[in-house]
Amino acid sequence: MAEKKSKKVETAKASSKADEFRTKSTDELTDQVAKLKKEQFNLRFQKANGQLEKTARIRAVRRDIARIETILAETRRKAG
């Protein structure tokens, strides 16, 4: 039963992050994606050199990029 409760909390965090991204303009979102992709590159580079300490950050950055790109696709679909 405790597992179900923790999954609900995780889902709530993800939706609030998506809601936060939805309030931003498309220019802000594209800038954010560019920034996250640079961070992703640096994280991959650190991992290859064995210098990366927080390996979970790679996954978090990848998911944030996916969230933002999904929201950008939604706004393009609504506009077009």
N, C-alpha and C. Protein backbone atom coordinates (compact mmCIF):
# COMPACT_ATOMS: atom_id res chain seq x y z
N MET A 1 0.82 -1.18 0.00
CA MET A 1 0.00 0.00 0.00
C MET A 1 0.87 1.26 0.00
N ALA A 2 2.01 1.19 0.64
CA ALA A 2 2.92 2.34 0.67
C ALA A 2 3.47 2.62 -0.73
N GLU A 3 3.63 1.57 -1.54
CA GLU A 3 4.15 1.76 -2.89
C GLU A 3 3.18 2.58 -3.73
N LYS A 4 1.88 2.30 -3.61
CA LYS A 4 0.90 3.04 -4.38
C LYS A 4 0.94 4.52 -4.03
N LYS A 5 1.10 4.81 -2.75
CA LYS A 5 1.13 6.19 -2.31
C LYS A 5 2.34 6.92 -2.88
N SER A 6 3.50 6.27 -2.89
CA SER A 6 4.70 6.93 -3.42
C SER A 6 4.59 7.14 -4.93
N LYS A 7 3.95 6.23 -5.65
CA LYS A 7 3.78 6.42 -7.09
C LYS A 7 2.89 7.61 -7.38
N LYS A 8 1.86 7.81 -6.56
CA LYS A 8 0.99 8.96 -6.75
C LYS A 8 1.75 10.26 -6.53
N VAL A 9 2.63 10.27 -5.57
CA VAL A 9 3.42 11.46 -5.29
C VAL A 9 4.33 11.76 -6.47
N GLU A 10 4.96 10.73 -7.04
CA GLU A 10 5.85 10.93 -8.19
C GLU A 10 5.07 11.48 -9.37
N THR A 11 3.87 10.96 -9.61
CA THR A 11 3.05 11.42 -10.71
C THR A 11 2.67 12.88 -10.51
N ALA A 12 2.37 13.24 -9.29
CA ALA A 12 2.00 14.63 -9.01
C ALA A 12 3.18 15.56 -9.29
N LYS A 13 4.39 15.13 -8.97
CA LYS A 13 5.57 15.96 -9.23
C LYS A 13 5.77 16.13 -10.73
N ALA A 14 5.59 15.08 -11.48
CA ALA A 14 5.79 15.15 -12.93
C ALA A 14 4.76 16.08 -13.57
N SER A 15 3.51 16.00 -13.14
CA SER A 15 2.49 16.85 -13.74
C SER A 15 2.71 18.30 -13.36
N SER A 16 3.20 18.58 -12.16
CA SER A 16 3.44 19.96 -11.79
C SER A 16 4.60 20.54 -12.59
N LYS A 17 5.60 19.71 -12.90
CA LYS A 17 6.70 20.16 -13.74
C LYS A 17 6.18 20.48 -15.14
N ALA A 18 5.33 19.63 -15.66
CA ALA A 18 4.76 19.86 -16.99
C ALA A 18 3.90 21.12 -16.98
N ASP A 19 3.14 21.31 -15.91
CA ASP A 19 2.32 22.52 -15.81
C ASP A 19 3.21 23.77 -15.76
N GLU A 20 4.33 23.65 -15.08
CA GLU A 20 5.28 24.76 -15.00
C GLU A 20 5.80 25.09 -16.40
N PHE A 21 6.11 24.07 -17.19
CA PHE A 21 6.60 24.29 -18.55
C PHE A 21 5.50 24.86 -19.44
N ARG A 22 4.26 24.49 -19.20
CA ARG A 22 3.16 24.98 -20.03
C ARG A 22 2.93 26.48 -19.85
N THR A 23 3.32 27.03 -18.71
CA THR A 23 3.12 28.46 -18.48
C THR A 23 4.16 29.31 -19.23
N LYS A 24 5.24 28.70 -19.68
CA LYS A 24 6.30 29.44 -20.38
C LYS A 24 5.98 29.59 -21.87
N SER A 25 6.61 30.58 -22.49
CA SER A 25 6.43 30.80 -23.92
C SER A 25 7.26 29.79 -24.71
N THR A 26 7.00 29.71 -26.00
CA THR A 26 7.73 28.76 -26.83
C THR A 26 9.21 29.14 -26.93
N ASP A 27 9.50 30.44 -26.95
CA ASP A 27 10.90 30.87 -26.98
C ASP A 27 11.64 30.45 -25.73
N GLU A 28 10.99 30.61 -24.58
CA GLU A 28 11.61 30.19 -23.32
C GLU A 28 11.83 28.69 -23.30
N LEU A 29 10.87 27.95 -23.84
CA LEU A 29 10.99 26.49 -23.86
C LEU A 29 12.11 26.02 -24.78
N THR A 30 12.23 26.66 -25.94
CA THR A 30 13.31 26.25 -26.86
C THR A 30 14.67 26.59 -26.25
N ASP A 31 14.76 27.72 -25.55
CA ASP A 31 16.01 28.05 -24.85
C ASP A 31 16.32 27.03 -23.77
N GLN A 32 15.27 26.62 -23.05
CA GLN A 32 15.45 25.62 -21.98
C GLN A 32 15.91 24.28 -22.56
N VAL A 33 15.36 23.88 -23.71
CA VAL A 33 15.77 22.63 -24.35
C VAL A 33 17.24 22.70 -24.75
N ALA A 34 17.65 23.82 -25.32
CA ALA A 34 19.05 23.98 -25.72
C ALA A 34 19.97 23.88 -24.50
N LYS A 35 19.58 24.51 -23.42
CA LYS A 35 20.37 24.47 -22.19
C LYS A 35 20.46 23.04 -21.64
N LEU A 36 19.33 22.33 -21.66
CA LEU A 36 19.31 20.96 -21.15
C LEU A 36 20.13 20.02 -22.04
N LYS A 37 20.11 20.25 -23.35
CA LYS A 37 20.90 19.40 -24.25
C LYS A 37 22.40 19.61 -24.03
N LYS A 38 22.80 20.85 -23.74
CA LYS A 38 24.21 21.11 -23.41
C LYS A 38 24.59 20.38 -22.12
N GLU A 39 23.68 20.46 -21.14
CA GLU A 39 23.94 19.77 -19.87
C GLU A 39 24.02 18.26 -20.09
N GLN A 40 23.14 17.73 -20.93
CA GLN A 40 23.14 16.30 -21.24
C GLN A 40 24.47 15.90 -21.88
N PHE A 41 24.96 16.71 -22.81
CA PHE A 41 26.25 16.43 -23.44
C PHE A 41 27.36 16.40 -22.41
N ASN A 42 27.38 17.41 -21.52
CA ASN A 42 28.41 17.46 -20.49
C ASN A 42 28.33 16.27 -19.54
N LEU A 43 27.11 15.86 -19.20
CA LEU A 43 26.95 14.70 -18.33
C LEU A 43 27.46 13.42 -18.99
N ARG A 44 27.17 13.26 -20.29
CA ARG A 44 27.67 12.09 -21.01
C ARG A 44 29.19 12.10 -21.06
N PHE A 45 29.76 13.27 -21.25
CA PHE A 45 31.21 13.41 -21.30
C PHE A 45 31.83 13.04 -19.95
N GLN A 46 31.22 13.52 -18.86
CA GLN A 46 31.70 13.20 -17.52
C GLN A 46 31.59 11.71 -17.24
N LYS A 47 30.50 11.10 -17.71
CA LYS A 47 30.31 9.67 -17.50
C LYS A 47 31.39 8.87 -18.22
N ALA A 48 31.70 9.27 -19.44
CA ALA A 48 32.72 8.57 -20.22
C ALA A 48 34.10 8.67 -19.57
N ASN A 49 34.36 9.79 -18.91
CA ASN A 49 35.65 9.99 -18.24
C ASN A 49 35.66 9.45 -16.82
N GLY A 50 34.54 8.94 -16.36
CA GLY A 50 34.46 8.40 -15.01
C GLY A 50 34.39 9.46 -13.93
N GLN A 51 33.97 10.66 -14.26
CA GLN A 51 33.92 11.76 -13.30
C GLN A 51 32.50 12.05 -12.80
N LEU A 52 31.51 11.37 -13.34
CA LEU A 52 30.12 11.66 -13.00
C LEU A 52 29.75 11.02 -11.66
N GLU A 53 29.26 11.84 -10.74
CA GLU A 53 28.87 11.33 -9.43
C GLU A 53 27.37 11.07 -9.35
N LYS A 54 26.57 11.98 -9.89
CA LYS A 54 25.11 11.84 -9.83
C LYS A 54 24.61 11.28 -11.16
N THR A 55 24.60 9.97 -11.28
CA THR A 55 24.21 9.34 -12.54
C THR A 55 22.72 9.51 -12.82
N ALA A 56 21.92 9.70 -11.80
CA ALA A 56 20.47 9.86 -11.98
C ALA A 56 20.14 11.17 -12.69
N ARG A 57 21.05 12.11 -12.68
CA ARG A 57 20.82 13.40 -13.34
C ARG A 57 20.66 13.24 -14.85
N ILE A 58 21.35 12.25 -15.42
CA ILE A 58 21.23 11.99 -16.87
C ILE A 58 19.78 11.66 -17.21
N ARG A 59 19.20 10.80 -16.44
CA ARG A 59 17.81 10.38 -16.67
C ARG A 59 16.85 11.55 -16.47
N ALA A 60 17.08 12.35 -15.43
CA ALA A 60 16.20 13.49 -15.15
C ALA A 60 16.26 14.52 -16.28
N VAL A 61 17.45 14.78 -16.79
CA VAL A 61 17.61 15.74 -17.88
C VAL A 61 16.92 15.22 -19.14
N ARG A 62 17.12 13.94 -19.42
CA ARG A 62 16.49 13.34 -20.61
C ARG A 62 14.97 13.44 -20.53
N ARG A 63 14.42 13.21 -19.37
CA ARG A 63 12.96 13.28 -19.21
C ARG A 63 12.45 14.71 -19.29
N ASP A 64 13.21 15.66 -18.76
CA ASP A 64 12.81 17.06 -18.87
C ASP A 64 12.80 17.51 -20.33
N ILE A 65 13.79 17.08 -21.09
CA ILE A 65 13.82 17.40 -22.52
C ILE A 65 12.59 16.82 -23.20
N ALA A 66 12.25 15.60 -22.89
CA ALA A 66 11.08 14.96 -23.49
C ALA A 66 9.79 15.69 -23.12
N ARG A 67 9.69 16.11 -21.86
CA ARG A 67 8.50 16.85 -21.42
C ARG A 67 8.34 18.15 -22.20
N ILE A 68 9.44 18.88 -22.32
CA ILE A 68 9.38 20.17 -23.01
C ILE A 68 9.06 19.97 -24.48
N GLU A 69 9.69 18.99 -25.12
CA GLU A 69 9.42 18.76 -26.54
C GLU A 69 7.98 18.31 -26.77
N THR A 70 7.43 17.57 -25.83
CA THR A 70 6.02 17.17 -25.93
C THR A 70 5.11 18.39 -25.85
N ILE A 71 5.40 19.29 -24.93
CA ILE A 71 4.59 20.50 -24.78
C ILE A 71 4.72 21.38 -26.01
N LEU A 72 5.93 21.49 -26.57
CA LEU A 72 6.12 22.26 -27.80
C LEU A 72 5.32 21.66 -28.95
N ALA A 73 5.28 20.34 -29.03
CA ALA A 73 4.50 19.69 -30.09
C ALA A 73 3.01 19.95 -29.89
N GLU A 74 2.56 19.95 -28.64
CA GLU A 74 1.14 20.25 -28.37
C GLU A 74 0.78 21.66 -28.81
N THR A 75 1.66 22.61 -28.51
CA THR A 75 1.36 24.00 -28.88
C THR A 75 1.40 24.18 -30.40
N ARG A 76 2.31 23.48 -31.07
CA ARG A 76 2.33 23.56 -32.54
C ARG A 76 1.06 22.98 -33.14
N ARG A 77 0.59 21.88 -32.56
CA ARG A 77 -0.62 21.22 -33.04
C ARG A 77 -1.84 22.13 -32.84
N LYS A 78 -1.90 22.84 -31.72
CA LYS A 78 -3.01 23.74 -31.46
C LYS A 78 -2.98 24.94 -32.39
N ALA A 79 -1.77 25.46 -32.66
CA ALA A 79 -1.64 26.64 -33.51
C ALA A 79 -1.88 26.33 -34.98
N GLY A 80 -1.48 25.13 -35.40
CA GLY A 80 -1.56 24.80 -36.83
C GLY A 80 -2.72 24.05 -37.26
